[in-house]
């Protein structure tokens, strides 16, 4: 996987944009709302949110932004179960033959090595 690629959890989350999800935070708050934005660090924006605070009080909010490091658990719709296997298949690429995915030129040459040649000189 390249540095700019995101993993299965983030890709899965982004497939549920404009769907209702539930987010449980580290401090005991529970947010249920429509996913509007999901970032690579799992930070997200929800709209039409029903919030249950750790104290038990509830509130309705227009929008909420939750930072990724504050999230303990994300509950997605049931469709997520079938999408996980599909995403694993898409993201796992077969080996690219000789040289793998290390870079280089491939078949011959590639990473250098061998004895340097000097024209006209004998040792």
Foldseek 3Di string as FASTA:
>chain_A
DDPPDADLVQVLVVVQAQHWKWWAFPQGKIKIFGWHDADRLRWTKGAQIWMQHNVGDIDTDGMDIGGSVGTDDMGDPPVSVVVSVVRVVVPDDDFPPAPTPVDFDPDPDGPDDDDDDDPPDDD
